[in-house]
Amino acid sequence: MVELILPTMTCGHCVKTVTETIHRIDAAAEVSVDLPTHRVRIETNQPAEAFVPALTEEGYAPA
């Protein structure tokens, strides 16, 4: 499991973009989002480092 804090994720559109970005890296990943805390949990076999560049490129750099 990977857990990331994405401070710039602030709305439903952000959640959709983040989820789609994660699924481009791992289509089988299970994504759960806690929008008020900006927390994303990803059930995956991939390391966190696999997601950081793609999320950062989309404007959601992990803190």
PDB file of N, CA and C in Angstrom:
ATOM      1  N   MET A   1       0.832  -1.173   0.000  1.00  0.00           N
ATOM      2  CA  MET A   1       0.000   0.000   0.000  1.00  0.00           C
ATOM      3  C   MET A   1       0.884   1.245   0.000  1.00  0.00           C
ATOM      4  N   VAL A   2       0.466   2.218  -0.790  1.00  0.00           N
ATOM      5  CA  VAL A   2       1.145   3.501  -0.870  1.00  0.00           C
ATOM      6  C   VAL A   2       0.180   4.561  -0.346  1.00  0.00           C
ATOM      7  N   GLU A   3       0.681   5.464   0.475  1.00  0.00           N
ATOM      8  CA  GLU A   3      -0.136   6.567   0.960  1.00  0.00           C
ATOM      9  C   GLU A   3       0.587   7.866   0.649  1.00  0.00           C
ATOM     10  N   LEU A   4      -0.132   8.784   0.002  1.00  0.00           N
ATOM     11  CA  LEU A   4       0.447  10.062  -0.390  1.00  0.00           C
ATOM     12  C   LEU A   4      -0.448  11.204   0.087  1.00  0.00           C
ATOM     13  N   ILE A   5       0.162  12.327   0.389  1.00  0.00           N
ATOM     14  CA  ILE A   5      -0.558  13.558   0.687  1.00  0.00           C
ATOM     15  C   ILE A   5      -0.374  14.468  -0.525  1.00  0.00           C
ATOM     16  N   LEU A   6      -1.491  14.879  -1.121  1.00  0.00           N
ATOM     17  CA  LEU A   6      -1.464  15.733  -2.308  1.00  0.00           C
ATOM     18  C   LEU A   6      -2.139  17.069  -1.967  1.00  0.00           C
ATOM     19  N   PRO A   7      -1.373  18.052  -1.490  1.00  0.00           N
ATOM     20  CA  PRO A   7      -1.958  19.311  -1.010  1.00  0.00           C
ATOM     21  C   PRO A   7      -2.797  20.056  -2.050  1.00  0.00           C
ATOM     22  N   THR A   8      -2.492  19.904  -3.327  1.00  0.00           N
ATOM     23  CA  THR A   8      -3.228  20.647  -4.354  1.00  0.00           C
ATOM     24  C   THR A   8      -4.492  19.930  -4.818  1.00  0.00           C
ATOM     25  N   MET A   9      -4.786  18.774  -4.263  1.00  0.00           N
ATOM     26  CA  MET A   9      -6.015  18.048  -4.601  1.00  0.00           C
ATOM     27  C   MET A   9      -7.137  18.604  -3.728  1.00  0.00           C
ATOM     28  N   THR A  10      -8.035  19.393  -4.345  1.00  0.00           N
ATOM     29  CA  THR A  10      -9.013  20.126  -3.552  1.00  0.00           C
ATOM     30  C   THR A  10     -10.470  19.920  -3.952  1.00  0.00           C
ATOM     31  N   CYS A  11     -10.733  19.180  -5.047  1.00  0.00           N
ATOM     32  CA  CYS A  11     -12.117  19.060  -5.507  1.00  0.00           C
ATOM     33  C   CYS A  11     -12.337  17.713  -6.195  1.00  0.00           C
ATOM     34  N   GLY A  12     -13.567  17.470  -6.578  1.00  0.00           N
ATOM     35  CA  GLY A  12     -13.916  16.222  -7.247  1.00  0.00           C
ATOM     36  C   GLY A  12     -13.190  16.032  -8.562  1.00  0.00           C
ATOM     37  N   HIS A  13     -12.981  17.111  -9.311  1.00  0.00           N
ATOM     38  CA  HIS A  13     -12.242  17.008 -10.566  1.00  0.00           C
ATOM     39  C   HIS A  13     -10.807  16.570 -10.298  1.00  0.00           C
ATOM     40  N   CYS A  14     -10.215  17.106  -9.239  1.00  0.00           N
ATOM     41  CA  CYS A  14      -8.860  16.700  -8.851  1.00  0.00           C
ATOM     42  C   CYS A  14      -8.811  15.202  -8.551  1.00  0.00           C
ATOM     43  N   VAL A  15      -9.800  14.729  -7.805  1.00  0.00           N
ATOM     44  CA  VAL A  15      -9.854  13.301  -7.446  1.00  0.00           C
ATOM     45  C   VAL A  15      -9.908  12.445  -8.713  1.00  0.00           C
ATOM     46  N   LYS A  16     -10.720  12.859  -9.672  1.00  0.00           N
ATOM     47  CA  LYS A  16     -10.840  12.110 -10.926  1.00  0.00           C
ATOM     48  C   LYS A  16      -9.501  12.074 -11.663  1.00  0.00           C
ATOM     49  N   THR A  17      -8.832  13.217 -11.753  1.00  0.00           N
ATOM     50  CA  THR A  17      -7.545  13.284 -12.438  1.00  0.00           C
ATOM     51  C   THR A  17      -6.499  12.440 -11.734  1.00  0.00           C
ATOM     52  N   VAL A  18      -6.435  12.526 -10.419  1.00  0.00           N
ATOM     53  CA  VAL A  18      -5.474  11.740  -9.646  1.00  0.00           C
ATOM     54  C   VAL A  18      -5.733  10.245  -9.838  1.00  0.00           C
ATOM     55  N   THR A  19      -6.995   9.842  -9.763  1.00  0.00           N
ATOM     56  CA  THR A  19      -7.348   8.430  -9.926  1.00  0.00           C
ATOM     57  C   THR A  19      -6.968   7.936 -11.315  1.00  0.00           C
ATOM     58  N   GLU A  20      -7.275   8.706 -12.338  1.00  0.00           N
ATOM     59  CA  GLU A  20      -6.923   8.314 -13.710  1.00  0.00           C
ATOM     60  C   GLU A  20      -5.410   8.221 -13.881  1.00  0.00           C
ATOM     61  N   THR A  21      -4.686   9.138 -13.278  1.00  0.00           N
ATOM     62  CA  THR A  21      -3.224   9.125 -13.364  1.00  0.00           C
ATOM     63  C   THR A  21      -2.663   7.876 -12.699  1.00  0.00           C
ATOM     64  N   ILE A  22      -3.178   7.529 -11.541  1.00  0.00           N
ATOM     65  CA  ILE A  22      -2.728   6.321 -10.839  1.00  0.00           C
ATOM     66  C   ILE A  22      -3.023   5.089 -11.678  1.00  0.00           C
ATOM     67  N   HIS A  23      -4.194   5.031 -12.287  1.00  0.00           N
ATOM     68  CA  HIS A  23      -4.568   3.870 -13.097  1.00  0.00           C
ATOM     69  C   HIS A  23      -3.747   3.759 -14.377  1.00  0.00           C
ATOM     70  N   ARG A  24      -3.161   4.854 -14.844  1.00  0.00           N
ATOM     71  CA  ARG A  24      -2.244   4.757 -15.994  1.00  0.00           C
ATOM     72  C   ARG A  24      -0.972   4.024 -15.593  1.00  0.00           C
ATOM     73  N   ILE A  25      -0.573   4.145 -14.331  1.00  0.00           N
ATOM     74  CA  ILE A  25       0.628   3.472 -13.832  1.00  0.00           C
ATOM     75  C   ILE A  25       0.305   2.014 -13.476  1.00  0.00           C
ATOM     76  N   ASP A  26      -0.824   1.802 -12.811  1.00  0.00           N
ATOM     77  CA  ASP A  26      -1.240   0.461 -12.386  1.00  0.00           C
ATOM     78  C   ASP A  26      -2.762   0.360 -12.542  1.00  0.00           C
ATOM     79  N   ALA A  27      -3.181  -0.241 -13.638  1.00  0.00           N
ATOM     80  CA  ALA A  27      -4.607  -0.340 -13.952  1.00  0.00           C
ATOM     81  C   ALA A  27      -5.389  -1.103 -12.890  1.00  0.00           C
ATOM     82  N   ALA A  28      -4.722  -1.992 -12.157  1.00  0.00           N
ATOM     83  CA  ALA A  28      -5.404  -2.810 -11.153  1.00  0.00           C
ATOM     84  C   ALA A  28      -5.403  -2.176  -9.759  1.00  0.00           C
ATOM     85  N   ALA A  29      -4.789  -1.020  -9.624  1.00  0.00           N
ATOM     86  CA  ALA A  29      -4.685  -0.365  -8.302  1.00  0.00           C
ATOM     87  C   ALA A  29      -6.068  -0.003  -7.774  1.00  0.00           C
ATOM     88  N   GLU A  30      -6.235  -0.157  -6.466  1.00  0.00           N
ATOM     89  CA  GLU A  30      -7.443   0.309  -5.790  1.00  0.00           C
ATOM     90  C   GLU A  30      -7.092   1.632  -5.126  1.00  0.00           C
ATOM     91  N   VAL A  31      -7.863   2.660  -5.458  1.00  0.00           N
ATOM     92  CA  VAL A  31      -7.570   4.015  -4.999  1.00  0.00           C
ATOM     93  C   VAL A  31      -8.666   4.465  -4.046  1.00  0.00           C
ATOM     94  N   SER A  32      -8.266   4.960  -2.881  1.00  0.00           N
ATOM     95  CA  SER A  32      -9.228   5.579  -1.973  1.00  0.00           C
ATOM     96  C   SER A  32      -8.702   6.968  -1.617  1.00  0.00           C
ATOM     97  N   VAL A  33      -9.623   7.934  -1.622  1.00  0.00           N
ATOM     98  CA  VAL A  33      -9.258   9.334  -1.430  1.00  0.00           C
ATOM     99  C   VAL A  33     -10.010   9.900  -0.240  1.00  0.00           C
ATOM    100  N   ASP A  34      -9.280  10.626   0.599  1.00  0.00           N
ATOM    101  CA  ASP A  34      -9.880  11.402   1.681  1.00  0.00           C
ATOM    102  C   ASP A  34      -9.609  12.862   1.329  1.00  0.00           C
ATOM    103  N   LEU A  35     -10.559  13.474   0.637  1.00  0.00           N
ATOM    104  CA  LEU A  35     -10.361  14.821   0.113  1.00  0.00           C
ATOM    105  C   LEU A  35     -10.079  15.869   1.199  1.00  0.00           C
ATOM    106  N   PRO A  36     -10.796  15.871   2.334  1.00  0.00           N
ATOM    107  CA  PRO A  36     -10.518  16.898   3.352  1.00  0.00           C
ATOM    108  C   PRO A  36      -9.074  16.887   3.870  1.00  0.00           C
ATOM    109  N   THR A  37      -8.445  15.709   3.902  1.00  0.00           N
ATOM    110  CA  THR A  37      -7.061  15.625   4.384  1.00  0.00           C
ATOM    111  C   THR A  37      -6.058  15.538   3.239  1.00  0.00           C
ATOM    112  N   HIS A  38      -6.556  15.539   1.991  1.00  0.00           N
ATOM    113  CA  HIS A  38      -5.711  15.469   0.787  1.00  0.00           C
ATOM    114  C   HIS A  38      -4.931  14.153   0.720  1.00  0.00           C
ATOM    115  N   ARG A  39      -5.443  13.117   1.343  1.00  0.00           N
ATOM    116  CA  ARG A  39      -4.741  11.836   1.440  1.00  0.00           C
ATOM    117  C   ARG A  39      -5.260  10.854   0.379  1.00  0.00           C
ATOM    118  N   VAL A  40      -4.321  10.174  -0.273  1.00  0.00           N
ATOM    119  CA  VAL A  40      -4.654   9.141  -1.251  1.00  0.00           C
ATOM    120  C   VAL A  40      -3.991   7.848  -0.812  1.00  0.00           C
ATOM    121  N   ARG A  41      -4.782   6.792  -0.749  1.00  0.00           N
ATOM    122  CA  ARG A  41      -4.241   5.459  -0.451  1.00  0.00           C
ATOM    123  C   ARG A  41      -4.380   4.618  -1.706  1.00  0.00           C
ATOM    124  N   ILE A  42      -3.295   3.953  -2.064  1.00  0.00           N
ATOM    125  CA  ILE A  42      -3.251   3.166  -3.289  1.00  0.00           C
ATOM    126  C   ILE A  42      -2.867   1.737  -2.922  1.00  0.00           C
ATOM    127  N   GLU A  43      -3.778   0.810  -3.173  1.00  0.00           N
ATOM    128  CA  GLU A  43      -3.460  -0.609  -2.997  1.00  0.00           C
ATOM    129  C   GLU A  43      -2.821  -1.073  -4.289  1.00  0.00           C
ATOM    130  N   THR A  44      -1.509  -1.314  -4.230  1.00  0.00           N
ATOM    131  CA  THR A  44      -0.728  -1.633  -5.413  1.00  0.00           C
ATOM    132  C   THR A  44       0.528  -2.385  -5.017  1.00  0.00           C
ATOM    133  N   ASN A  45       1.129  -3.028  -6.006  1.00  0.00           N
ATOM    134  CA  ASN A  45       2.432  -3.654  -5.792  1.00  0.00           C
ATOM    135  C   ASN A  45       3.562  -2.732  -6.236  1.00  0.00           C
ATOM    136  N   GLN A  46       3.205  -1.596  -6.806  1.00  0.00           N
ATOM    137  CA  GLN A  46       4.195  -0.625  -7.274  1.00  0.00           C
ATOM    138  C   GLN A  46       4.709   0.204  -6.090  1.00  0.00           C
ATOM    139  N   PRO A  47       5.960   0.673  -6.167  1.00  0.00           N
ATOM    140  CA  PRO A  47       6.468   1.564  -5.118  1.00  0.00           C
ATOM    141  C   PRO A  47       5.906   2.974  -5.303  1.00  0.00           C
ATOM    142  N   ALA A  48       5.933   3.777  -4.269  1.00  0.00           N
ATOM    143  CA  ALA A  48       5.454   5.161  -4.336  1.00  0.00           C
ATOM    144  C   ALA A  48       6.149   5.928  -5.455  1.00  0.00           C
ATOM    145  N   GLU A  49       7.419   5.634  -5.652  1.00  0.00           N
ATOM    146  CA  GLU A  49       8.205   6.339  -6.668  1.00  0.00           C
ATOM    147  C   GLU A  49       7.648   6.147  -8.078  1.00  0.00           C
ATOM    148  N   ALA A  50       6.856   5.117  -8.282  1.00  0.00           N
ATOM    149  CA  ALA A  50       6.258   4.883  -9.603  1.00  0.00           C
ATOM    150  C   ALA A  50       5.175   5.912  -9.904  1.00  0.00           C
ATOM    151  N   PHE A  51       4.545   6.460  -8.877  1.00  0.00           N
ATOM    152  CA  PHE A  51       3.416   7.378  -9.058  1.00  0.00           C
ATOM    153  C   PHE A  51       3.813   8.853  -8.981  1.00  0.00           C
ATOM    154  N   VAL A  52       4.863   9.161  -8.246  1.00  0.00           N
ATOM    155  CA  VAL A  52       5.223  10.558  -7.974  1.00  0.00           C
ATOM    156  C   VAL A  52       5.466  11.367  -9.243  1.00  0.00           C
ATOM    157  N   PRO A  53       6.265  10.907 -10.218  1.00  0.00           N
ATOM    158  CA  PRO A  53       6.499  11.744 -11.407  1.00  0.00           C
ATOM    159  C   PRO A  53       5.218  12.047 -12.189  1.00  0.00           C
ATOM    160  N   ALA A  54       4.357  11.060 -12.364  1.00  0.00           N
ATOM    161  CA  ALA A  54       3.121  11.269 -13.129  1.00  0.00           C
ATOM    162  C   ALA A  54       2.181  12.208 -12.395  1.00  0.00           C
ATOM    163  N   LEU A  55       2.051  12.052 -11.088  1.00  0.00           N
ATOM    164  CA  LEU A  55       1.182  12.945 -10.310  1.00  0.00           C
ATOM    165  C   LEU A  55       1.728  14.369 -10.308  1.00  0.00           C
ATOM    166  N   THR A  56       3.038  14.508 -10.189  1.00  0.00           N
ATOM    167  CA  THR A  56       3.660  15.825 -10.204  1.00  0.00           C
ATOM    168  C   THR A  56       3.439  16.504 -11.549  1.00  0.00           C
ATOM    169  N   GLU A  57       3.556  15.751 -12.633  1.00  0.00           N
ATOM    170  CA  GLU A  57       3.335  16.308 -13.973  1.00  0.00           C
ATOM    171  C   GLU A  57       1.887  16.821 -14.126  1.00  0.00           C
ATOM    172  N   GLU A  58       0.955  16.167 -13.463  1.00  0.00           N
ATOM    173  CA  GLU A  58      -0.459  16.582 -13.529  1.00  0.00           C
ATOM    174  C   GLU A  58      -0.768  17.747 -12.588  1.00  0.00           C
ATOM    175  N   GLY A  59       0.214  18.142 -11.758  1.00  0.00           N
ATOM    176  CA  GLY A  59       0.021  19.259 -10.844  1.00  0.00           C
ATOM    177  C   GLY A  59      -0.314  18.858  -9.429  1.00  0.00           C
ATOM    178  N   TYR A  60      -0.105  17.582  -9.098  1.00  0.00           N
ATOM    179  CA  TYR A  60      -0.433  17.063  -7.768  1.00  0.00           C
ATOM    180  C   TYR A  60       0.811  16.465  -7.111  1.00  0.00           C
ATOM    181  N   ALA A  61       1.817  17.292  -6.917  1.00  0.00           N
ATOM    182  CA  ALA A  61       3.061  16.821  -6.308  1.00  0.00           C
ATOM    183  C   ALA A  61       2.812  16.426  -4.851  1.00  0.00           C
ATOM    184  N   PRO A  62       3.237  15.221  -4.482  1.00  0.00           N
ATOM    185  CA  PRO A  62       3.086  14.794  -3.087  1.00  0.00           C
ATOM    186  C   PRO A  62       3.940  15.652  -2.154  1.00  0.00           C
ATOM    187  N   ALA A  63       3.391  15.871  -0.965  1.00  0.00           N
ATOM    188  CA  ALA A  63       4.125  16.647   0.058  1.00  0.00           C
ATOM    189  C   ALA A  63       5.031  15.728   0.847  1.00  0.00           C
TER     190      ALA A  63
END
